Amino acid sequence: QVQLVESGGGLVQPGGSLRLSCTASGFTFSSYRMGWFRQGPGKGREFVAAINWGGGNLYYADSVKGRFTISRDNTKNTAYLQMNSLKPEDTAVYYCAADLVPTVGAAARPDEYDYWGQGTQVTVSS
């Protein structure tokens, strides 16, 4: 059974940091591109970051470049999203997703991904 389980969300003050984790099971994690998306209140699902199977190619939304870092540990079947300098507009439910057959140029497309987690809430507020 395929599972992606996100953790690490919570309430943080503006300027603070959080690290999200996404632990996978039921499939060959090291073969998949992994992505992070988010959905804020009243908004659609938005691309945040993605990383290829080997970790050599990284992709970021302009809104998070320089503040967020995506990484993965294939020995632990886990992807991470380190979020620094958080802003209130980063408030959202964050989802991780797995893409078995990556299409060039499509890392930011939700319909590219095969499996999704249930999400973890991140709230940035003073």
Foldseek 3Di string as FASTA:
>chain_A
DWAWAKDWADEAAQQAKIKIKIAIDDDQLLQWKKFKWWAAVPGDIWGAKIAHSVRPDIDGDPVQPPFWDWGDDSVRRMIMIIGGRDDQVVWTWMKMFIANDDDPPCRGPPVRTDDIHPTDTHGYHD
